[in-house]
């Protein structure tokens, strides 16, 4: 098992540069093998479009995003996430309450049913990296580990971008001035 993990990390590291250039094309599948394109397999989950937003100004927090598809026949659950660049990493929901966007911690995580896709994107659900100990900057790659109830831990080598996944999510031209945190 340890040899597999090292091979998977080496394979993903080789593709890190292309992932930084094309954030929308990054993919990690989780089953029991890996290929030359950095697709890591351990169960039936597939992670795509993963990235971290660059740390802006003096903001002590930033966010990470990913799309997770469950291609298996049973549900799984994203129960937590971690990153060495922050003292706290939490899973968050976003919803509109009238014209006010509200963010809340998803303490029970997110269930991903068989055949379902969940998206963490700007203006929507996201992985919050709080109290940054390192400030991710555009062009870097930062490891974020997602912990699943059944699939176990999966580490993604996330490219850092000033505008990750800008064409997805629900934020659009929304004014975030009334956001409650």
Protein backbone atom coordinates (compact mmCIF):
# COMPACT_ATOMS: atom_id res chain seq x y z
CA UNK A 1 0.00 0.00 0.00
CA UNK A 2 2.81 2.43 0.84
CA UNK A 3 4.52 1.71 -2.50
CA UNK A 4 1.25 2.50 -4.30
CA UNK A 5 0.89 5.83 -2.47
CA UNK A 6 4.43 6.88 -3.41
CA UNK A 7 3.87 5.93 -7.07
CA UNK A 8 0.59 7.87 -7.14
CA UNK A 9 2.22 10.98 -5.64
CA UNK A 10 5.09 10.80 -8.15
CA UNK A 11 2.64 10.42 -11.02
CA UNK A 12 0.59 13.42 -9.89
CA UNK A 13 3.72 15.49 -9.36
CA UNK A 14 4.73 14.92 -12.97
CA UNK A 15 1.45 16.45 -14.13
CA UNK A 16 1.48 19.36 -11.67
CA UNK A 17 2.69 21.89 -14.24
CA UNK A 18 -0.09 21.18 -16.72
CA UNK A 19 -2.63 21.25 -13.89
CA UNK A 20 -1.43 24.77 -13.00
CA UNK A 21 -1.89 25.92 -16.58
CA UNK A 22 -5.35 24.42 -17.09
CA UNK A 23 -7.19 24.37 -13.78
CA UNK A 24 -10.44 23.18 -15.37
CA UNK A 25 -8.76 20.03 -16.73
CA UNK A 26 -7.33 18.61 -13.49
CA UNK A 27 -8.73 15.18 -12.65
CA UNK A 28 -8.11 12.58 -10.00
CA UNK A 29 -10.12 9.39 -10.07
CA UNK A 30 -10.05 7.13 -7.07
CA UNK A 31 -9.96 3.39 -7.81
CA UNK A 32 -7.07 0.87 -7.51
CA UNK A 33 -4.52 1.87 -10.14
CA UNK A 34 -2.92 4.92 -11.71
CA UNK A 35 -1.95 5.92 -15.23
CA UNK A 36 0.56 8.23 -16.89
CA UNK A 37 -1.97 11.10 -16.93
CA UNK A 38 -2.06 11.31 -13.12
CA UNK A 39 -5.41 9.57 -12.73
CA UNK A 40 -5.24 7.88 -9.33
CA UNK A 41 -7.73 5.11 -8.58
CA UNK A 42 -8.74 3.66 -5.22
CA UNK A 43 -12.58 3.46 -5.18
CA UNK A 44 -15.30 4.82 -7.43
CA UNK A 45 -14.89 8.56 -6.79
CA UNK A 46 -13.58 10.99 -9.37
CA UNK A 47 -12.24 14.44 -8.48
CA UNK A 48 -12.04 17.12 -11.20
CA UNK A 49 -11.71 20.91 -11.48
CA UNK A 50 -9.76 21.25 -8.24
CA UNK A 51 -7.95 24.44 -7.29
CA UNK A 52 -7.25 26.86 -4.44
CA UNK A 53 -7.92 30.58 -4.65
CA UNK A 54 -4.77 32.66 -4.06
CA UNK A 55 -4.55 34.36 -0.69
CA UNK A 56 -5.74 37.93 -1.31
CA UNK A 57 -4.45 40.98 0.57
CA UNK A 58 -4.27 40.42 4.32
CA UNK A 59 -7.22 38.02 4.36
CA UNK A 60 -6.32 35.20 6.79
CA UNK A 61 -8.52 32.72 4.87
CA UNK A 62 -8.99 31.35 1.38
CA UNK A 63 -10.97 28.53 -0.23
CA UNK A 64 -10.43 25.34 -2.19
CA UNK A 65 -12.76 23.92 -4.82
CA UNK A 66 -13.36 20.50 -6.38
CA UNK A 67 -16.02 18.56 -8.27
CA UNK A 68 -16.59 15.02 -6.93
CA UNK A 69 -18.46 12.37 -8.92
CA UNK A 70 -19.45 9.03 -7.41
CA UNK A 71 -19.28 6.47 -10.21
CA UNK A 72 -19.88 3.54 -7.86
CA UNK A 73 -22.97 1.63 -6.79
CA UNK A 74 -23.01 2.85 -3.16
CA UNK A 75 -22.87 6.26 -1.51
CA UNK A 76 -19.83 7.75 0.15
CA UNK A 77 -19.42 10.80 2.34
CA UNK A 78 -16.85 13.59 2.35
CA UNK A 79 -16.37 13.96 6.10
CA UNK A 80 -13.46 16.42 6.35
CA UNK A 81 -10.53 18.08 4.63
CA UNK A 82 -7.07 19.21 5.72
CA UNK A 83 -4.25 21.37 4.41
CA UNK A 84 -0.90 22.17 6.02
CA UNK A 85 -1.23 25.78 4.80
CA UNK A 86 -4.01 26.53 7.34
CA UNK A 87 -4.58 25.88 11.03
CA UNK A 88 -8.23 24.97 10.36
CA UNK A 89 -9.87 23.45 7.29
CA UNK A 90 -13.66 23.13 7.20
CA UNK A 91 -16.35 22.17 4.71
CA UNK A 92 -18.84 24.98 4.06
CA UNK A 93 -22.23 25.44 2.46
CA UNK A 94 -23.39 28.66 0.81
CA UNK A 95 -27.02 29.65 0.29
CA UNK A 96 -28.99 32.73 -0.51
CA UNK A 97 -31.39 34.13 2.08
CA UNK A 98 -33.18 36.78 0.05
CA UNK A 99 -30.38 38.99 -1.27
CA UNK A 100 -27.92 37.90 1.44
CA UNK A 101 -25.44 35.08 0.86
CA UNK A 102 -24.98 32.97 4.02
CA UNK A 103 -22.10 30.62 4.74
CA UNK A 104 -22.23 27.82 7.32
CA UNK A 105 -19.96 24.95 8.30
CA UNK A 106 -21.21 21.55 7.06
CA UNK A 107 -20.28 19.69 10.25
CA UNK A 108 -21.63 16.36 8.92
CA UNK A 109 -19.85 16.77 5.59
CA UNK A 110 -21.45 15.94 2.26
CA UNK A 111 -23.04 12.64 1.19
CA UNK A 112 -22.31 11.73 -2.42
CA UNK A 113 -24.92 9.24 -3.62
CA UNK A 114 -24.25 6.70 -6.34
CA UNK A 115 -24.25 8.46 -9.71
CA UNK A 116 -24.26 11.90 -8.06
CA UNK A 117 -21.86 14.80 -8.59
CA UNK A 118 -21.27 17.53 -6.02
CA UNK A 119 -19.46 20.73 -6.88
CA UNK A 120 -17.47 22.99 -4.59
CA UNK A 121 -17.04 26.25 -6.53
CA UNK A 122 -16.77 30.01 -6.02
CA UNK A 123 -20.12 31.33 -4.80
CA UNK A 124 -21.23 27.86 -3.68
CA UNK A 125 -20.16 25.07 -1.35
CA UNK A 126 -16.42 25.19 -0.70
CA UNK A 127 -13.53 24.01 1.45
CA UNK A 128 -12.53 26.87 3.75
CA UNK A 129 -8.83 27.21 4.61
CA UNK A 130 -8.76 29.32 7.77
CA UNK A 131 -5.94 31.07 9.64
CA UNK A 132 -3.39 30.57 6.88
CA UNK A 133 0.09 29.56 8.03
CA UNK A 134 1.34 29.80 4.43
CA UNK A 135 -0.20 32.14 1.84
CA UNK A 136 -0.95 30.21 -1.37
CA UNK A 137 0.06 32.25 -4.44
CA UNK A 138 -0.92 31.82 -8.09
CA UNK A 139 1.28 29.29 -9.86
CA UNK A 140 1.99 27.21 -6.75
CA UNK A 141 0.59 23.75 -6.00
CA UNK A 142 -0.71 22.98 -2.51
CA UNK A 143 -1.75 19.58 -1.13
CA UNK A 144 -5.28 19.30 0.23
CA UNK A 145 -6.40 15.97 1.69
CA UNK A 146 -10.07 15.02 1.48
CA UNK A 147 -11.26 12.36 3.95
CA UNK A 148 -14.09 10.10 2.80
CA UNK A 149 -16.07 7.72 4.99
CA UNK A 150 -15.52 4.74 2.63
CA UNK A 151 -12.76 5.73 0.20
CA UNK A 152 -10.51 7.06 2.97
CA UNK A 153 -8.06 9.94 2.51
CA UNK A 154 -7.32 11.32 -0.96
CA UNK A 155 -4.64 13.98 -1.38
CA UNK A 156 -5.08 16.37 -4.30
CA UNK A 157 -2.16 18.49 -5.52
CA UNK A 158 -4.25 21.60 -6.10
CA UNK A 159 -2.99 24.38 -8.35
CA UNK A 160 -3.37 27.87 -6.90
CA UNK A 161 -5.12 30.46 -9.06
CA UNK A 162 -6.31 34.07 -8.80
CA UNK A 163 -9.58 33.01 -10.49
CA UNK A 164 -10.14 29.28 -9.96
CA UNK A 165 -13.13 27.90 -11.83
CA UNK A 166 -14.36 31.43 -12.56
CA UNK A 167 -17.00 30.20 -15.01
CA UNK A 168 -18.64 27.84 -12.47
CA UNK A 169 -20.48 28.32 -9.20
CA UNK A 170 -23.28 30.74 -8.57
CA UNK A 171 -21.51 33.99 -7.72
CA UNK A 172 -21.56 35.61 -11.17
CA UNK A 173 -21.72 39.38 -10.76
CA UNK A 174 -23.21 39.12 -7.26
CA UNK A 175 -22.39 41.78 -4.67
CA UNK A 176 -20.93 39.98 -1.63
CA UNK A 177 -21.04 43.05 0.64
CA UNK A 178 -23.87 41.62 2.78
CA UNK A 179 -22.31 38.16 3.25
CA UNK A 180 -22.73 36.78 6.79
CA UNK A 181 -19.91 34.67 8.19
